[in-house]
Protein backbone atom coordinates (compact mmCIF):
# COMPACT_ATOMS: atom_id res chain seq x y z
CA MET A 1 188.94 65.91 230.23
CA GLN A 2 188.31 63.22 232.86
CA THR A 3 185.06 62.54 234.69
CA SER A 4 184.14 60.05 237.40
CA TRP A 5 181.21 58.89 235.30
CA LYS A 6 181.55 57.47 231.82
CA MET A 7 179.21 56.78 228.95
CA ARG A 8 179.53 53.92 226.50
CA ARG A 9 181.89 54.79 223.64
CA LEU A 10 181.87 53.47 220.08
CA ALA A 11 184.40 54.33 217.40
CA TRP A 12 183.90 53.92 213.67
CA GLY A 13 187.25 52.27 213.04
CA GLU A 14 186.91 49.57 215.70
CA ALA A 15 186.67 46.01 214.42
CA ASP A 16 183.52 45.36 216.47
CA PHE A 17 181.80 48.67 215.68
CA ASP A 18 178.91 47.09 213.74
CA GLU A 19 178.33 44.47 216.43
CA ARG A 20 178.36 47.05 219.23
CA LEU A 21 176.05 49.40 217.34
CA GLN A 22 173.60 46.57 216.76
CA ALA A 23 173.70 45.74 220.48
CA LEU A 24 173.01 49.39 221.27
CA LEU A 25 169.88 49.29 219.12
CA ALA A 26 168.57 46.04 220.64
CA ARG A 27 166.57 47.57 223.46
CA GLY A 28 163.09 46.78 224.67
CA GLY A 29 160.78 49.07 226.61
CA ASP A 30 157.07 49.68 226.93
CA SER A 31 156.40 48.46 223.40
CA ASP A 32 157.68 44.99 224.42
CA SER A 33 154.82 43.99 226.70
CA GLY A 34 155.62 40.31 227.24
CA ALA A 35 153.39 37.25 227.37
CA GLU A 36 152.08 37.82 230.90
CA VAL A 37 151.03 41.40 230.17
CA GLU A 38 149.38 40.28 226.92
CA ARG A 39 147.44 37.64 228.89
CA GLN A 40 146.30 40.12 231.56
CA VAL A 41 145.28 42.65 228.92
CA GLY A 42 143.36 40.00 226.99
CA ASP A 43 141.38 39.20 230.13
CA ILE A 44 140.64 42.89 230.77
CA ILE A 45 139.46 43.40 227.19
CA ALA A 46 137.19 40.36 227.45
CA GLN A 47 135.61 41.68 230.66
CA VAL A 48 134.87 45.10 229.17
CA ARG A 49 133.56 43.60 225.95
CA ARG A 50 131.28 41.27 227.90
CA GLU A 51 130.07 43.55 230.72
CA GLY A 52 130.47 47.11 229.39
CA ASP A 53 130.26 49.92 231.93
CA ALA A 54 130.12 47.50 234.88
CA ALA A 55 133.52 46.04 234.05
CA LEU A 56 134.95 49.43 233.10
CA CYS A 57 134.03 50.93 236.48
CA ARG A 58 135.05 47.84 238.44
CA LEU A 59 138.50 47.85 236.84
CA THR A 60 138.85 51.60 237.27
CA GLU A 61 138.11 51.27 241.00
CA ARG A 62 140.69 48.50 241.23
CA PHE A 63 143.50 50.27 239.39
CA ASP A 64 142.78 53.98 239.97
CA ARG A 65 141.26 53.75 243.44
CA TRP A 66 138.16 55.92 243.17
CA PRO A 67 134.42 55.03 243.24
CA CYS A 68 133.73 55.05 239.51
CA THR A 69 130.16 55.14 238.21
CA PRO A 70 128.96 55.62 234.61
CA GLU A 71 127.81 59.13 235.55
CA ALA A 72 130.95 60.10 237.47
CA MET A 73 133.37 59.08 234.72
CA VAL A 74 131.92 61.52 232.17
CA ILE A 75 133.94 64.67 231.42
CA ASP A 76 131.83 67.05 229.35
CA ARG A 77 132.79 70.22 227.46
CA ALA A 78 131.55 72.37 230.33
CA ARG A 79 134.04 70.70 232.71
CA MET A 80 136.85 71.22 230.17
CA GLU A 81 135.94 74.88 229.82
CA GLN A 82 135.92 75.20 233.61
CA ALA A 83 139.47 73.85 233.68
CA TRP A 84 140.48 76.31 230.94
CA ARG A 85 139.23 79.19 233.10
CA ARG A 86 140.89 77.85 236.26
CA ILE A 87 144.44 77.58 234.94
CA SER A 88 146.76 80.57 235.05
CA GLY A 89 146.96 83.22 232.36
CA GLU A 90 150.49 82.09 231.60
CA ASP A 91 149.24 78.52 231.12
CA ARG A 92 146.50 79.71 228.75
CA GLN A 93 148.95 81.84 226.77
CA ALA A 94 151.41 78.95 226.33
CA LEU A 95 148.72 76.42 225.38
CA SER A 96 147.16 78.92 222.97
CA MET A 97 150.48 79.49 221.20
CA ALA A 98 151.08 75.75 220.95
CA ALA A 99 147.57 75.14 219.60
CA GLU A 100 147.80 77.96 217.03
CA ARG A 101 151.15 76.77 215.70
CA LEU A 102 150.02 73.14 215.55
CA ARG A 103 146.85 74.13 213.73
CA ALA A 104 148.76 76.23 211.19
CA PHE A 105 151.20 73.40 210.41
CA HIS A 106 148.52 70.76 210.09
CA GLU A 107 146.39 73.00 207.90
CA GLN A 108 149.37 73.05 205.52
CA GLN A 109 149.32 69.24 205.59
CA ALA A 110 145.58 69.17 204.95
CA ALA A 111 145.98 71.41 201.92
CA ARG A 112 148.16 68.69 200.37
CA GLU A 113 145.80 65.83 201.24
CA ARG A 114 143.05 66.57 198.74
CA SER A 115 140.80 64.49 196.53
CA TRP A 116 141.93 64.33 192.89
CA SER A 117 141.01 62.75 189.55
CA TYR A 118 142.13 62.56 185.91
CA ARG A 119 140.91 61.11 182.62
CA ASP A 120 143.22 58.64 180.85
CA ALA A 121 143.67 57.80 177.16
CA ALA A 122 141.08 55.00 177.33
CA GLY A 123 138.46 57.47 178.55
CA MET A 124 138.41 56.21 182.16
CA GLU A 125 138.02 58.80 184.91
CA LEU A 126 140.25 57.71 187.80
CA GLY A 127 140.92 59.38 191.09
CA GLN A 128 141.04 59.33 194.85
CA ARG A 129 138.53 60.72 197.34
CA VAL A 130 139.83 61.77 200.75
CA THR A 131 137.36 61.67 203.67
CA PRO A 132 137.83 62.04 207.44
CA LEU A 133 137.20 59.35 210.01
CA ASP A 134 133.86 59.69 211.80
CA ARG A 135 135.00 59.19 215.40
CA VAL A 136 138.44 58.99 217.01
CA GLY A 137 139.44 58.00 220.54
CA LEU A 138 142.30 59.87 222.19
CA TYR A 139 144.17 58.09 224.99
CA VAL A 140 145.89 60.55 227.34
CA PRO A 141 148.29 59.35 230.05
CA GLY A 142 147.40 60.36 233.60
CA GLY A 143 148.76 60.00 237.09
CA THR A 144 152.46 60.78 237.40
CA ALA A 145 152.65 61.47 233.65
CA ALA A 146 150.23 64.23 232.69
CA TYR A 147 150.95 65.76 229.30
CA PRO A 148 148.68 68.52 228.00
CA SER A 149 150.97 68.79 224.98
CA SER A 150 150.05 65.22 224.03
CA VAL A 151 146.37 66.19 224.02
CA LEU A 152 147.03 69.01 221.57
CA MET A 153 149.30 66.92 219.34
CA ASN A 154 146.61 64.28 218.90
CA ALA A 155 143.45 66.37 218.97
CA ILE A 156 144.36 69.24 216.65
CA PRO A 157 145.34 67.24 213.53
CA ALA A 158 142.18 65.18 214.00
CA ARG A 159 140.07 68.31 214.02
CA VAL A 160 141.93 69.81 211.07
CA ALA A 161 141.35 66.55 209.18
CA GLY A 162 137.61 66.94 209.72
CA VAL A 163 136.94 64.26 212.35
CA GLY A 164 133.44 64.92 213.63
CA ASP A 165 133.60 63.31 217.08
CA LEU A 166 136.74 63.28 219.23
CA VAL A 167 136.50 61.26 222.46
CA MET A 168 139.17 61.40 225.18
CA VAL A 169 139.94 58.87 227.90
CA VAL A 170 142.28 59.84 230.72
CA PRO A 171 142.99 57.98 233.96
CA THR A 172 142.48 59.91 237.21
CA PRO A 173 144.35 57.98 239.94
CA ASP A 174 142.72 58.50 243.36
CA GLY A 175 140.12 60.61 241.58
CA VAL A 176 142.54 63.46 240.92
CA VAL A 177 141.88 65.27 237.63
CA ASN A 178 144.68 67.19 235.93
CA GLU A 179 143.34 70.63 235.09
CA LEU A 180 145.97 71.31 232.40
CA VAL A 181 144.97 68.16 230.53
CA LEU A 182 141.30 69.15 230.58
CA ALA A 183 142.17 72.71 229.54
CA ALA A 184 144.20 71.37 226.60
CA ALA A 185 141.26 69.14 225.65
CA PHE A 186 139.02 72.22 225.61
CA ILE A 187 141.24 74.31 223.34
CA GLY A 188 142.10 71.23 221.23
CA GLY A 189 138.47 70.60 220.34
CA VAL A 190 137.79 67.36 222.25
CA GLY A 191 134.04 66.80 222.31
CA ARG A 192 133.75 64.65 225.44
CA GLY A 193 135.92 62.67 227.80
CA PHE A 194 135.86 59.83 230.30
CA ALA A 195 137.92 59.54 233.49
CA VAL A 196 139.14 56.03 232.76
CA GLY A 197 142.47 54.68 231.59
CA GLY A 198 144.57 51.60 231.10
CA ALA A 199 143.71 48.59 228.96
CA GLN A 200 140.07 48.84 230.07
CA ALA A 201 139.75 52.30 228.49
CA VAL A 202 141.25 51.07 225.22
CA ALA A 203 138.78 48.18 225.22
CA ALA A 204 135.89 50.56 225.85
CA LEU A 205 136.91 52.74 222.91
CA ALA A 206 137.32 49.75 220.62
CA PHE A 207 134.10 47.87 221.43
CA GLY A 208 131.95 50.55 223.05
CA THR A 209 130.02 50.37 226.32
CA GLU A 210 126.71 51.82 227.45
CA SER A 211 128.49 55.15 228.06
CA VAL A 212 131.65 55.12 225.94
CA PRO A 213 131.07 55.12 222.18
CA ALA A 214 133.03 52.78 219.92
CA VAL A 215 135.53 54.67 217.77
CA ASP A 216 137.07 54.13 214.36
CA LYS A 217 140.66 54.71 215.53
CA ILE A 218 142.57 55.02 218.82
CA VAL A 219 145.54 57.36 219.10
CA GLY A 220 147.79 58.47 221.92
CA PRO A 221 150.61 57.09 224.08
CA GLY A 222 150.46 54.91 227.15
CA ASN A 223 152.32 52.35 229.22
CA ARG A 224 152.94 48.74 228.21
CA PHE A 225 149.39 47.70 229.19
CA VAL A 226 147.95 50.39 226.94
CA ALA A 227 150.36 49.39 224.15
CA ALA A 228 149.34 45.74 224.50
CA ALA A 229 145.66 46.66 224.46
CA LYS A 230 146.07 48.75 221.31
CA ARG A 231 147.86 45.85 219.66
CA GLN A 232 145.05 43.44 220.58
CA VAL A 233 142.15 45.64 219.42
CA PHE A 234 143.77 46.56 216.11
CA GLY A 235 141.50 45.28 213.36
CA VAL A 236 138.37 46.05 215.36
CA CYS A 237 139.46 49.66 215.00
CA GLY A 238 142.58 51.41 213.77
CA ILE A 239 145.49 52.55 215.92
CA ASP A 240 148.19 55.13 215.35
CA MET A 241 151.29 53.19 216.42
CA ILE A 242 152.78 51.15 219.26
CA ALA A 243 154.91 53.79 220.93
CA GLY A 244 158.19 52.80 222.54
CA PRO A 245 160.63 54.69 224.78
CA SER A 246 161.82 58.08 223.60
CA GLU A 247 165.15 58.56 221.81
CA ILE A 248 167.42 61.28 220.45
CA VAL A 249 170.49 61.29 218.22
CA VAL A 250 172.60 64.44 218.02
CA VAL A 251 175.17 64.87 215.25
CA ALA A 252 177.55 67.73 216.06
CA ASP A 253 180.79 69.17 214.72
CA GLY A 254 180.96 71.88 217.38
CA GLY A 255 178.67 73.90 219.58
CA ASP A 256 178.22 74.50 223.28
CA PRO A 257 178.83 71.30 225.29
CA CYS A 258 176.37 72.59 227.89
CA TRP A 259 173.60 72.80 225.28
CA LEU A 260 174.43 69.42 223.76
CA ALA A 261 174.45 67.72 227.18
CA ALA A 262 171.11 69.27 228.03
CA ASP A 263 169.65 68.04 224.73
CA LEU A 264 170.74 64.48 225.47
CA LEU A 265 169.40 64.63 229.03
CA SER A 266 166.06 65.95 227.78
CA GLN A 267 165.26 62.49 226.44
CA ALA A 268 167.15 60.46 229.04
CA GLU A 269 164.98 61.92 231.82
CA HIS A 270 161.82 60.49 230.22
CA ASP A 271 162.39 56.83 231.01
CA ALA A 272 165.14 54.41 232.01
CA ALA A 273 164.53 52.73 228.63
CA ALA A 274 165.01 56.00 226.69
CA GLN A 275 168.07 56.44 224.47
CA ALA A 276 170.41 59.41 223.92
CA VAL A 277 173.30 59.24 221.44
CA LEU A 278 175.87 61.86 220.43
CA ILE A 279 177.77 61.42 217.15
CA SER A 280 180.81 63.53 216.26
CA ASP A 281 184.17 63.49 214.53
CA ASP A 282 185.56 65.71 217.30
CA ALA A 283 186.91 63.55 220.15
CA ASP A 284 187.48 66.59 222.38
CA LEU A 285 183.83 67.61 221.96
CA LEU A 286 182.70 64.14 223.04
CA ASP A 287 184.87 64.43 226.17
CA ARG A 288 183.52 67.86 227.04
CA VAL A 289 179.90 66.82 226.55
CA GLU A 290 180.43 63.74 228.71
CA ALA A 291 181.83 65.91 231.50
CA GLU A 292 178.94 68.35 231.13
CA ILE A 293 176.40 65.53 231.37
CA ALA A 294 177.96 64.42 234.64
CA ARG A 295 177.81 67.99 235.95
CA GLN A 296 174.16 68.51 234.95
CA LEU A 297 173.09 65.13 236.29
CA ALA A 298 174.10 66.23 239.77
CA ALA A 299 171.40 68.93 239.74
CA LEU A 300 168.71 67.21 237.68
CA PRO A 301 165.50 66.34 239.60
CA ARG A 302 165.04 63.16 237.51
CA ALA A 303 168.74 62.30 237.70
CA GLU A 304 168.20 58.68 238.74
CA ILE A 305 166.05 57.97 235.68
CA ALA A 306 168.36 59.86 233.32
CA ARG A 307 171.47 58.12 234.65
CA ALA A 308 169.86 54.69 234.26
CA SER A 309 168.90 55.56 230.67
CA LEU A 310 172.39 56.77 229.75
CA GLU A 311 174.15 53.84 231.37
CA ALA A 312 171.92 51.23 229.72
CA HIS A 313 171.22 52.81 226.33
CA GLY A 314 173.27 55.98 225.85
CA ALA A 315 176.40 56.28 223.72
CA LEU A 316 179.05 58.63 222.41
CA ILE A 317 180.01 57.63 218.87
CA ALA A 318 183.31 58.84 217.42
CA LEU A 319 183.58 59.03 213.64
CA GLU A 320 186.68 59.42 211.49
CA ASP A 321 184.76 61.83 209.25
CA LEU A 322 181.26 63.33 209.38
CA SER A 323 180.52 61.82 205.97
CA GLN A 324 180.06 58.54 207.91
CA ALA A 325 177.25 60.04 210.02
CA ALA A 326 174.43 59.37 207.54
CA GLU A 327 175.08 55.63 207.54
CA VAL A 328 175.01 55.49 211.33
CA VAL A 329 171.91 57.67 211.64
CA ASN A 330 170.00 55.67 209.04
CA ARG A 331 170.79 52.46 210.90
CA ILE A 332 169.54 53.94 214.16
CA ALA A 333 166.45 55.52 212.49
CA PRO A 334 165.90 57.78 215.50
CA GLU A 335 162.70 59.35 216.73
CA HIS A 336 164.46 62.72 217.13
CA LEU A 337 167.55 63.80 215.19
CA GLU A 338 169.44 67.03 215.85
CA LEU A 339 171.94 68.26 213.26
CA VAL A 340 174.15 70.72 215.14
CA LEU A 341 176.47 71.34 212.23
CA ALA A 342 178.11 74.24 210.40
CA GLN A 343 176.78 72.84 207.10
CA PRO A 344 173.77 70.64 207.94
CA ASP A 345 172.08 70.47 204.52
CA ALA A 346 174.65 68.16 202.96
CA LEU A 347 174.02 65.56 205.66
CA LEU A 348 170.26 66.18 205.71
CA ALA A 349 170.07 65.21 202.02
CA ARG A 350 171.42 61.76 202.92
CA ILE A 351 169.13 61.10 205.91
CA ARG A 352 166.39 58.63 204.99
CA HIS A 353 165.15 57.46 208.37
CA ALA A 354 164.25 59.88 211.18
CA GLY A 355 160.98 60.88 212.80
CA ALA A 356 161.79 64.59 213.11
CA VAL A 357 164.96 66.50 212.22
CA PHE A 358 165.98 69.60 214.17
CA ILE A 359 168.50 71.74 212.32
CA GLY A 360 170.91 74.26 213.82
CA HIS A 361 172.25 75.33 217.18
CA HIS A 362 169.05 77.10 218.24
CA VAL A 363 166.48 74.36 217.64
CA PRO A 364 166.54 71.94 220.59
CA GLU A 365 164.26 68.94 220.33
CA ALA A 366 162.14 70.25 223.22
CA LEU A 367 160.95 73.07 220.95
CA GLY A 368 159.29 70.41 218.80
CA ASP A 369 157.73 68.81 221.86
CA TYR A 370 155.60 71.86 222.48
CA VAL A 371 155.36 74.79 220.09
CA ALA A 372 157.34 74.37 216.85
CA GLY A 373 154.28 73.19 214.91
CA PRO A 374 155.03 69.69 213.55
CA ASN A 375 153.68 66.78 215.57
CA HIS A 376 155.67 65.34 218.45
CA VAL A 377 154.03 61.90 218.09
CA LEU A 378 156.86 60.17 216.25
CA PRO A 379 157.97 56.64 215.33
CA THR A 380 160.30 55.03 217.89
CA ASN A 381 162.38 51.85 218.16
CA ARG A 382 163.68 52.15 214.57
CA THR A 383 160.16 52.26 213.12
CA ALA A 384 161.08 55.51 211.35
CA ARG A 385 162.37 53.11 208.68
CA PHE A 386 158.77 52.53 207.60
CA SER A 387 156.47 54.98 209.40
CA SER A 388 155.90 58.69 209.81
CA PRO A 389 154.96 61.31 212.41
CA LEU A 390 151.30 61.56 213.36
CA GLY A 391 149.53 63.90 210.99
CA VAL A 392 146.30 64.88 209.30
CA TYR A 393 146.63 61.83 207.03
CA ASP A 394 146.27 59.54 210.07
CA PHE A 395 142.72 60.81 210.54
CA GLN A 396 141.67 60.43 206.93
CA LYS A 397 141.08 57.56 204.57
CA ARG A 398 141.17 57.34 200.80
CA SER A 399 138.68 55.78 198.42
CA SER A 400 139.58 55.01 194.81
CA ILE A 401 137.20 56.48 192.24
CA ILE A 402 136.70 54.62 188.91
CA ARG A 403 134.25 55.88 186.28
CA GLY A 404 134.00 54.84 182.65
CA SER A 405 131.81 54.64 179.55
CA ALA A 406 131.01 51.73 177.21
CA ASP A 407 133.81 52.88 174.96
CA ALA A 408 136.26 52.86 177.85
CA LEU A 409 135.16 49.33 178.78
CA ALA A 410 135.74 48.22 175.20
CA ALA A 411 139.24 49.63 175.30
CA ILE A 412 140.46 47.93 178.49
CA GLY A 413 137.87 45.25 179.32
CA PRO A 414 139.22 42.40 177.14
CA ALA A 415 142.57 42.48 178.95
CA ALA A 416 140.83 42.30 182.34
CA ALA A 417 138.68 39.36 181.19
CA HIS A 418 141.73 37.53 179.90
CA ILE A 419 143.57 37.88 183.23
CA ALA A 420 140.44 36.71 185.11
CA HIS A 421 140.25 33.57 182.99
CA ARG A 422 143.93 32.89 183.55
CA GLU A 423 143.36 33.11 187.30
CA GLY A 424 140.46 30.65 187.07
CA LEU A 425 137.87 33.26 188.06
CA ASP A 426 135.40 32.86 185.22
CA ALA A 427 132.57 34.72 186.96
CA HIS A 428 134.85 37.74 187.18
CA ALA A 429 135.52 37.54 183.46
CA ARG A 430 131.82 37.09 182.70
CA THR A 431 130.91 40.45 184.31
CA ILE A 432 133.02 42.15 181.64
CA GLU A 433 132.16 39.87 178.71
CA LEU A 434 128.40 40.26 179.19
CA ARG A 435 128.74 44.01 178.93
CA LEU A 436 130.99 43.75 175.88
CA GLU A 437 128.47 41.40 174.20
CA ARG A 438 125.59 43.79 174.88
CA ARG A 439 127.62 46.64 173.38
CA VAL A 440 128.16 44.60 170.18
CA GLN A 441 124.45 43.78 169.91
């Protein structure tokens, strides 16, 4: 089937397949901030750290164009509840379902993140104690990108983990507050918020100001200035991840081309730097999906963004056999992976790197964005090779527990003292030897 618009094609058997796949994966985006952005962000952070609220409000007036004051930037629980009551019943019903399903899933996670201990043969009691973070800062995008779902995805696992104080920052360009975002903050358990955003809000959360409390960790997505700020304050506080542009890989051996095209476009419409890839051993299916993408683009409100994404970063990958799909998927390490297959479990067993896996014809990725239950904050830009979706564990920390008697020290202490001497740390060894000597006496 011919179309007037074509996507990039790769075929497994081509001599330059590996080279072309590598080129496909070499994309930048908001996580690549660049030296000039890093410099600007460094200056903003320094101003907020030095001047506190004064700098925070001055920068907010400059970038968001409203007369910020320390009093005016506060968003309390009463204002969030007001927003919850103002939104439509349909909005409340949808947000309530999303919150309930997220809470249920993350409670399952929490049940598996427990403190534990055991006693070994030497008589040592060893274990791990799991405790929540005290205070977490939630960055929520504002302006043209207002995502109440992002509030829920970050706030609910924090609350389930036991975080005592959850602080939200959200930009309000021209002073316009998004009611859905505040309503989501209310049902998600956010304690207080501030109508500030950008690198200056990240700096305020990291170092604290007269009004904004310093937090232990900052979570939530943002543009390249927010990403750069999170990178620069890491170490002063924790961060979740440096989020890049969204991406989806669909592996299909059949299915409705209309559905598959829509799934690819669902990520392409996010951002010109987003990536959508379809993998199949059925050349006719690739042709039909390509034609369907062209048809749907014509009616898509964000068609210009989606087309730019597909032209720059999209691909149709033809395999000789679906057994080759696992190797390709693991190299891509996608944020979202859909397995639209007659027998998906065989391939699933071989997938090592993916943020979230959606299995079957009736589980589009968008379901996971809102109400499925697992978190939609996922590793991007191939970071699924070494990182995981946001979860309860991101809002907890672990302390090792070590308890022992004199007999236990006698059993394992001499080996520790020997290693300390070999490393030239005699004072270390002495702490053990003194105790062993006292036991002998």
